[in-house]
C-alpha atoms as a PDB file:
ATOM      1  CA  MET A   1      44.091 -57.558 -56.225  1.00  0.00           C
ATOM      2  CA  THR A   2      45.272 -58.508 -59.679  1.00  0.00           C
ATOM      3  CA  ILE A   3      48.806 -59.353 -60.565  1.00  0.00           C
ATOM      4  CA  SER A   4      49.955 -57.891 -63.840  1.00  0.00           C
ATOM      5  CA  PRO A   5      52.270 -59.776 -66.134  1.00  0.00           C
ATOM      6  CA  PRO A   6      55.875 -58.607 -66.337  1.00  0.00           C
ATOM      7  CA  LEU A   7      56.777 -55.979 -68.887  1.00  0.00           C
ATOM      8  CA  VAL A   8      58.930 -57.107 -71.804  1.00  0.00           C
ATOM      9  CA  PHE A   9      61.084 -54.727 -73.787  1.00  0.00           C
ATOM     10  CA  SER A  10      61.256 -56.152 -77.270  1.00  0.00           C
ATOM     11  CA  LYS A  11      64.494 -54.505 -78.414  1.00  0.00           C
ATOM     12  CA  THR A  12      66.602 -55.667 -75.500  1.00  0.00           C
ATOM     13  CA  GLY A  13      64.742 -58.791 -74.489  1.00  0.00           C
ATOM     14  CA  VAL A  14      64.828 -57.594 -70.881  1.00  0.00           C
ATOM     15  CA  THR A  15      61.966 -58.630 -68.665  1.00  0.00           C
ATOM     16  CA  MET A  16      60.956 -56.267 -65.898  1.00  0.00           C
ATOM     17  CA  SER A  17      58.146 -56.548 -63.402  1.00  0.00           C
ATOM     18  CA  ASN A  18      55.830 -53.634 -62.665  1.00  0.00           C
ATOM     19  CA  THR A  19      57.493 -53.046 -59.287  1.00  0.00           C
ATOM     20  CA  ASP A  20      60.902 -52.933 -60.949  1.00  0.00           C
ATOM     21  CA  SER A  21      59.653 -50.383 -63.456  1.00  0.00           C
ATOM     22  CA  SER A  22      58.095 -48.239 -60.732  1.00  0.00           C
ATOM     23  CA  ASN A  23      61.357 -48.398 -58.749  1.00  0.00           C
ATOM     24  CA  ALA A  24      63.260 -47.350 -61.855  1.00  0.00           C
ATOM     25  CA  ALA A  25      60.833 -44.480 -62.426  1.00  0.00           C
ATOM     26  CA  MET A  26      61.203 -43.388 -58.801  1.00  0.00           C
ATOM     27  CA  ALA A  27      65.004 -43.543 -59.113  1.00  0.00           C
ATOM     28  CA  GLY A  28      64.814 -41.403 -62.256  1.00  0.00           C
ATOM     29  CA  LEU A  29      62.648 -38.840 -60.496  1.00  0.00           C
ATOM     30  CA  LEU A  30      64.999 -38.731 -57.500  1.00  0.00           C
ATOM     31  CA  TYR A  31      67.952 -38.197 -59.818  1.00  0.00           C
ATOM     32  CA  GLN A  32      66.238 -35.389 -61.732  1.00  0.00           C
ATOM     33  CA  ALA A  33      65.175 -33.673 -58.515  1.00  0.00           C
ATOM     34  CA  ASN A  34      68.672 -33.735 -57.016  1.00  0.00           C
ATOM     35  CA  ALA A  35      71.005 -33.406 -60.025  1.00  0.00           C
ATOM     36  CA  LYS A  36      73.042 -30.216 -60.233  1.00  0.00           C
ATOM     37  CA  SER A  37      72.684 -27.987 -63.293  1.00  0.00           C
ATOM     38  CA  THR A  38      75.688 -26.582 -65.138  1.00  0.00           C
ATOM     39  CA  GLY A  39      73.712 -23.507 -66.188  1.00  0.00           C
ATOM     40  CA  VAL A  40      72.662 -22.680 -62.642  1.00  0.00           C
ATOM     41  CA  THR A  41      76.211 -23.173 -61.411  1.00  0.00           C
ATOM     42  CA  TYR A  42      77.635 -20.804 -64.017  1.00  0.00           C
ATOM     43  CA  LEU A  43      74.987 -18.196 -63.238  1.00  0.00           C
ATOM     44  CA  LEU A  44      75.929 -18.382 -59.561  1.00  0.00           C
ATOM     45  CA  TRP A  45      79.607 -18.209 -60.528  1.00  0.00           C
ATOM     46  CA  PHE A  46      79.079 -15.150 -62.725  1.00  0.00           C
ATOM     47  CA  PHE A  47      76.909 -13.125 -60.356  1.00  0.00           C
ATOM     48  CA  LEU A  48      77.952 -14.375 -56.893  1.00  0.00           C
ATOM     49  CA  GLY A  49      81.282 -16.093 -57.564  1.00  0.00           C
ATOM     50  CA  ALA A  50      83.298 -13.953 -55.169  1.00  0.00           C
ATOM     51  CA  LEU A  51      80.927 -14.998 -52.386  1.00  0.00           C
ATOM     52  CA  GLY A  52      81.498 -18.692 -53.164  1.00  0.00           C
ATOM     53  CA  ALA A  53      77.848 -19.325 -54.089  1.00  0.00           C
ATOM     54  CA  HIS A  54      78.772 -21.645 -56.965  1.00  0.00           C
ATOM     55  CA  ARG A  55      80.852 -23.763 -54.608  1.00  0.00           C
ATOM     56  CA  PHE A  56      78.042 -24.059 -52.073  1.00  0.00           C
ATOM     57  CA  TYR A  57      75.663 -25.162 -54.850  1.00  0.00           C
ATOM     58  CA  ALA A  58      78.160 -27.709 -56.202  1.00  0.00           C
ATOM     59  CA  GLY A  59      78.635 -29.280 -52.763  1.00  0.00           C
ATOM     60  CA  LYS A  60      82.054 -27.736 -52.109  1.00  0.00           C
ATOM     61  CA  ALA A  61      81.059 -25.921 -48.916  1.00  0.00           C
ATOM     62  CA  ALA A  62      84.535 -25.712 -47.369  1.00  0.00           C
ATOM     63  CA  GLY A  63      85.909 -23.836 -50.378  1.00  0.00           C
ATOM     64  CA  GLY A  64      82.787 -21.679 -50.444  1.00  0.00           C
ATOM     65  CA  ILE A  65      83.327 -20.661 -46.841  1.00  0.00           C
ATOM     66  CA  VAL A  66      86.966 -19.749 -47.526  1.00  0.00           C
ATOM     67  CA  GLN A  67      85.955 -17.665 -50.557  1.00  0.00           C
ATOM     68  CA  LEU A  68      83.289 -15.899 -48.532  1.00  0.00           C
ATOM     69  CA  VAL A  69      85.768 -15.130 -45.741  1.00  0.00           C
ATOM     70  CA  LEU A  70      88.336 -13.801 -48.250  1.00  0.00           C
ATOM     71  CA  PHE A  71      85.641 -11.597 -49.793  1.00  0.00           C
ATOM     72  CA  LEU A  72      84.567 -10.188 -46.424  1.00  0.00           C
ATOM     73  CA  LEU A  73      88.144  -9.653 -45.218  1.00  0.00           C
ATOM     74  CA  GLY A  74      89.122  -8.037 -48.503  1.00  0.00           C
ATOM     75  CA  TRP A  75      86.301  -5.533 -48.630  1.00  0.00           C
ATOM     76  CA  SER A  76      86.410  -4.749 -44.916  1.00  0.00           C
ATOM     77  CA  THR A  77      90.128  -3.889 -45.076  1.00  0.00           C
ATOM     78  CA  ILE A  78      90.335  -2.266 -48.530  1.00  0.00           C
ATOM     79  CA  TRP A  79      90.302   1.198 -46.944  1.00  0.00           C
ATOM     80  CA  ILE A  80      93.561   0.483 -45.025  1.00  0.00           C
ATOM     81  CA  PHE A  81      96.005   1.544 -47.777  1.00  0.00           C
ATOM     82  CA  GLY A  82      94.584  -1.077 -50.112  1.00  0.00           C
ATOM     83  CA  PHE A  83      95.399  -3.904 -47.691  1.00  0.00           C
ATOM     84  CA  GLY A  84      92.245  -5.708 -48.789  1.00  0.00           C
ATOM     85  CA  LEU A  85      93.798  -6.344 -52.202  1.00  0.00           C
ATOM     86  CA  LEU A  86      95.959  -8.987 -50.534  1.00  0.00           C
ATOM     87  CA  PHE A  87      92.727 -10.941 -50.024  1.00  0.00           C
ATOM     88  CA  LEU A  88      90.785  -9.915 -53.121  1.00  0.00           C
ATOM     89  CA  THR A  89      93.501 -10.634 -55.703  1.00  0.00           C
ATOM     90  CA  PRO A  90      93.936 -14.338 -54.845  1.00  0.00           C
ATOM     91  CA  LEU A  91      90.158 -14.607 -54.541  1.00  0.00           C
ATOM     92  CA  GLY A  92      89.706 -13.239 -58.050  1.00  0.00           C
ATOM     93  CA  ILE A  93      92.233 -15.688 -59.487  1.00  0.00           C
ATOM     94  CA  TRP A  94      90.610 -18.561 -57.584  1.00  0.00           C
ATOM     95  CA  VAL A  95      87.154 -17.675 -58.885  1.00  0.00           C
ATOM     96  CA  LEU A  96      88.486 -17.566 -62.455  1.00  0.00           C
ATOM     97  CA  VAL A  97      90.082 -20.998 -62.053  1.00  0.00           C
ATOM     98  CA  ASP A  98      86.791 -22.334 -60.689  1.00  0.00           C
ATOM     99  CA  ALA A  99      85.136 -21.566 -64.036  1.00  0.00           C
ATOM    100  CA  PHE A 100      87.211 -24.357 -65.574  1.00  0.00           C
ATOM    101  CA  LEU A 101      86.632 -26.784 -62.683  1.00  0.00           C
ATOM    102  CA  ILE A 102      82.831 -26.555 -62.552  1.00  0.00           C
ATOM    103  CA  PRO A 103      82.045 -29.193 -65.230  1.00  0.00           C
ATOM    104  CA  GLY A 104      84.209 -31.793 -63.475  1.00  0.00           C
ATOM    105  CA  TRP A 105      82.630 -31.079 -60.092  1.00  0.00           C
ATOM    106  CA  LEU A 106      79.127 -31.481 -61.459  1.00  0.00           C
ATOM    107  CA  ARG A 107      80.004 -34.625 -63.405  1.00  0.00           C
ATOM    108  CA  GLN A 108      81.418 -36.164 -60.226  1.00  0.00           C
ATOM    109  CA  TYR A 109      78.461 -35.012 -58.112  1.00  0.00           C
ATOM    110  CA  ASN A 110      75.864 -36.326 -60.565  1.00  0.00           C
ATOM    111  CA  THR A 111      77.718 -39.629 -61.018  1.00  0.00           C
ATOM    112  CA  ASN A 112      77.808 -40.119 -57.245  1.00  0.00           C
ATOM    113  CA  LEU A 113      74.119 -39.224 -57.159  1.00  0.00           C
ATOM    114  CA  VAL A 114      73.337 -42.005 -59.640  1.00  0.00           C
ATOM    115  CA  HIS A 115      75.125 -44.500 -57.413  1.00  0.00           C
ATOM    116  CA  ARG A 116      73.292 -43.272 -54.308  1.00  0.00           C
ATOM    117  CA  VAL A 117      69.900 -43.386 -56.032  1.00  0.00           C
ATOM    118  CA  LEU A 118      70.438 -46.886 -57.412  1.00  0.00           C
ATOM    119  CA  ALA A 119      71.783 -48.266 -54.121  1.00  0.00           C
END
């Protein structure tokens, strides 16, 4: 077994051993594999927003469950003199507001992911 010399980055003057560089590479791969995508979240919001799919993807499962329940209650009671609109109207407003909250959620999620990967 041969021991390689440490790697030296000339611009920063930082010395890093081969195991440190492989750990950093592994951390980078873990981050990339688990980071949430803004594009995917907005696609889920656009096509399945009323079902709360974007919230489930972003790690906001409790809100996703409530949105799903509102959707199901709204459409199952819409035939009773429009009673379902009492559920669907707030749901629609909530889903629209979520469009503005998505970037913050993902920034927070991905920042927490960096801390978990590096820990």
